[in-house]
Protein backbone atom coordinates (compact mmCIF):
# COMPACT_ATOMS: atom_id res chain seq x y z
CA MET A 1 -6.32 17.60 -4.05
CA GLN A 2 -5.57 14.99 -6.88
CA ASP A 3 -8.52 13.12 -8.51
CA ILE A 4 -6.67 9.84 -9.09
CA LEU A 5 -6.05 7.12 -6.58
CA SER A 6 -2.32 6.08 -6.99
CA VAL A 7 -1.04 2.83 -5.49
CA ILE A 8 2.63 1.59 -5.88
CA VAL A 9 3.00 -2.18 -5.41
CA PHE A 10 6.32 -3.85 -4.58
CA ASP A 11 6.20 -7.67 -4.28
CA PRO A 12 8.58 -9.10 -6.84
CA ASP A 13 7.91 -12.62 -5.72
CA ASP A 14 4.19 -12.73 -6.03
CA PRO A 15 2.62 -11.19 -9.16
CA LEU A 16 -0.86 -12.02 -7.59
CA THR A 17 -0.40 -9.15 -5.19
CA LEU A 18 -0.22 -6.70 -8.17
CA LYS A 19 -3.32 -8.33 -9.47
CA ARG A 20 -5.38 -8.26 -6.36
CA VAL A 21 -4.61 -4.38 -5.74
CA SER A 22 -5.57 -3.71 -9.48
CA GLU A 23 -8.93 -5.53 -8.84
CA ALA A 24 -9.60 -3.87 -5.49
CA ILE A 25 -9.51 -0.37 -7.02
CA LYS A 26 -10.54 -1.02 -10.59
CA GLU A 27 -13.92 0.84 -10.24
CA TYR A 28 -12.09 3.99 -9.05
CA HIS A 29 -10.16 6.38 -11.19
CA SER A 30 -6.99 4.87 -10.29
CA GLU A 31 -3.44 3.78 -11.27
CA VAL A 32 -1.35 0.90 -10.01
CA ILE A 33 2.22 1.31 -10.33
CA PRO A 34 4.39 -1.84 -10.23
CA CYS A 35 7.89 -1.43 -8.79
CA SER A 36 10.55 -3.85 -9.15
CA SER A 37 13.10 -2.28 -6.66
CA PRO A 38 13.29 -0.17 -3.63
CA GLN A 39 15.03 2.59 -5.75
CA ALA A 40 12.19 2.45 -8.30
CA ILE A 41 9.76 3.21 -5.43
CA LEU A 42 11.84 6.15 -4.16
CA ASP A 43 11.97 7.55 -7.62
CA SER A 44 8.38 7.24 -8.13
CA ILE A 45 7.28 9.13 -5.02
CA GLN A 46 9.58 11.94 -6.23
CA GLU A 47 8.10 12.11 -9.59
CA LYS A 48 4.32 11.79 -8.73
CA THR A 49 1.86 12.04 -6.05
CA VAL A 50 1.14 8.50 -4.57
CA ASP A 51 -1.48 7.63 -1.99
CA VAL A 52 -0.50 4.07 -0.76
CA ILE A 53 2.53 1.81 -1.30
CA ILE A 54 2.05 -1.86 -0.82
CA LEU A 55 5.26 -3.51 0.32
CA VAL A 56 6.13 -7.13 0.80
CA LEU A 57 7.70 -7.65 4.16
CA GLU A 58 10.34 -10.34 3.90
CA LYS A 59 13.36 -11.31 5.74
CA PRO A 60 15.62 -9.73 6.56
CA PHE A 61 12.94 -7.40 7.94
CA GLU A 62 15.30 -4.59 8.68
CA LYS A 63 15.71 -3.80 4.98
CA ALA A 64 11.96 -3.30 4.64
CA TYR A 65 11.78 -1.25 7.77
CA GLU A 66 14.78 0.97 6.36
CA LEU A 67 12.80 1.48 3.08
CA LEU A 68 9.79 2.37 5.18
CA SER A 69 11.79 5.18 6.92
CA GLN A 70 13.32 6.43 3.50
CA ILE A 71 9.78 6.53 2.06
CA LYS A 72 8.48 8.38 4.97
CA ALA A 73 11.43 10.88 5.01
CA GLY A 74 10.73 11.57 1.25
CA VAL A 75 6.81 11.87 1.64
CA ALA A 76 5.54 11.62 5.07
CA GLU A 77 1.79 11.66 4.13
CA VAL A 78 2.06 8.49 1.91
CA GLU A 79 0.56 5.37 3.59
CA VAL A 80 2.54 2.21 3.53
CA VAL A 81 0.87 -1.21 3.86
CA PHE A 82 3.10 -4.12 4.39
CA VAL A 83 2.09 -7.58 3.05
CA SER A 84 3.68 -10.72 4.45
CA ARG A 85 3.43 -14.43 4.39
CA PHE A 86 4.31 -14.32 7.95
CA ASP A 87 1.19 -13.98 10.26
CA ASP A 88 2.88 -12.72 13.19
CA GLU A 89 1.48 -10.19 15.72
CA THR A 90 5.03 -9.19 16.82
CA LEU A 91 5.77 -8.23 13.19
CA TRP A 92 2.57 -6.36 12.80
CA ILE A 93 3.13 -4.34 16.08
CA GLU A 94 6.73 -3.56 14.96
CA ALA A 95 5.60 -2.41 11.44
CA ILE A 96 2.86 -0.06 12.95
CA GLN A 97 5.24 1.48 15.56
CA ARG A 98 7.73 2.20 12.67
CA GLY A 99 5.13 3.98 10.66
CA ALA A 100 3.24 1.55 8.51
CA TYR A 101 -0.41 2.13 7.89
CA GLU A 102 -1.24 -1.69 8.11
CA TYR A 103 -0.01 -4.98 7.96
CA LEU A 104 -1.74 -7.69 5.86
CA SER A 105 -0.95 -11.42 5.68
CA ASN A 106 -0.69 -13.11 2.29
CA PRO A 107 -2.61 -14.49 0.80
CA LEU A 108 -4.48 -11.26 0.55
CA ASP A 109 -8.14 -11.19 1.59
CA PHE A 110 -9.83 -9.19 -1.03
CA SER A 111 -12.41 -7.29 0.95
CA GLU A 112 -9.74 -6.52 3.68
CA LEU A 113 -7.42 -5.14 0.98
CA LYS A 114 -10.21 -3.12 -0.44
CA ARG A 115 -11.17 -1.61 2.98
CA ILE A 116 -7.58 -0.80 3.90
CA LEU A 117 -6.96 0.91 0.54
CA PHE A 118 -10.06 2.97 1.02
CA GLU A 119 -9.25 4.01 4.53
CA ALA A 120 -5.69 4.85 3.64
CA THR A 121 -6.68 6.94 0.71
CA ASP A 122 -9.79 8.60 2.49
CA LYS A 123 -7.33 10.83 4.16
CA HIS A 124 -6.14 12.25 0.83
CA HIS A 125 -9.45 12.17 -1.17
CA SER A 126 -12.85 13.57 -0.97
CA LEU A 127 -14.16 10.51 -2.88
CA ASN A 128 -17.50 10.14 -1.32
CA VAL A 129 -18.22 7.90 -4.25
CA MET A 130 -15.79 5.41 -2.80
CA LYS A 131 -17.70 5.23 0.33
CA ARG A 132 -20.95 4.65 -1.41
CA LEU A 133 -19.23 1.91 -3.71
CA LEU A 134 -17.70 0.16 -0.65
CA ALA A 135 -21.08 0.09 1.18
CA ASP A 136 -22.69 -1.55 -1.76
CA SER A 137 -20.07 -4.32 -2.13
């Protein structure tokens, strides 16, 4: 089991997403990996262990769903969280049905983001310290 929390962020249109993810996990032994293209994500998951991938969900949605399928085919245990400016229950349901861990609306709610990152990585880490830190915040 790895000791570092590793999160890939792919949201080329909103640098605030990268900043918010970095802030959400800063107290943990972690790394945030910015990726500028879908191919960079696929390359990264082949090179290192990644816990969570934060993906922007933009139109055309099918491209994002296709990328989700490619990620899951490469590394089934990585958790994918979609972030979208579209606050649409239908999109959330479809994303989950296609294998996403969660769907968050932009702008990101910091406490919700932190909770989702913890829950997604808790499957892969025995970081009880994270539970205590979350309970204190």
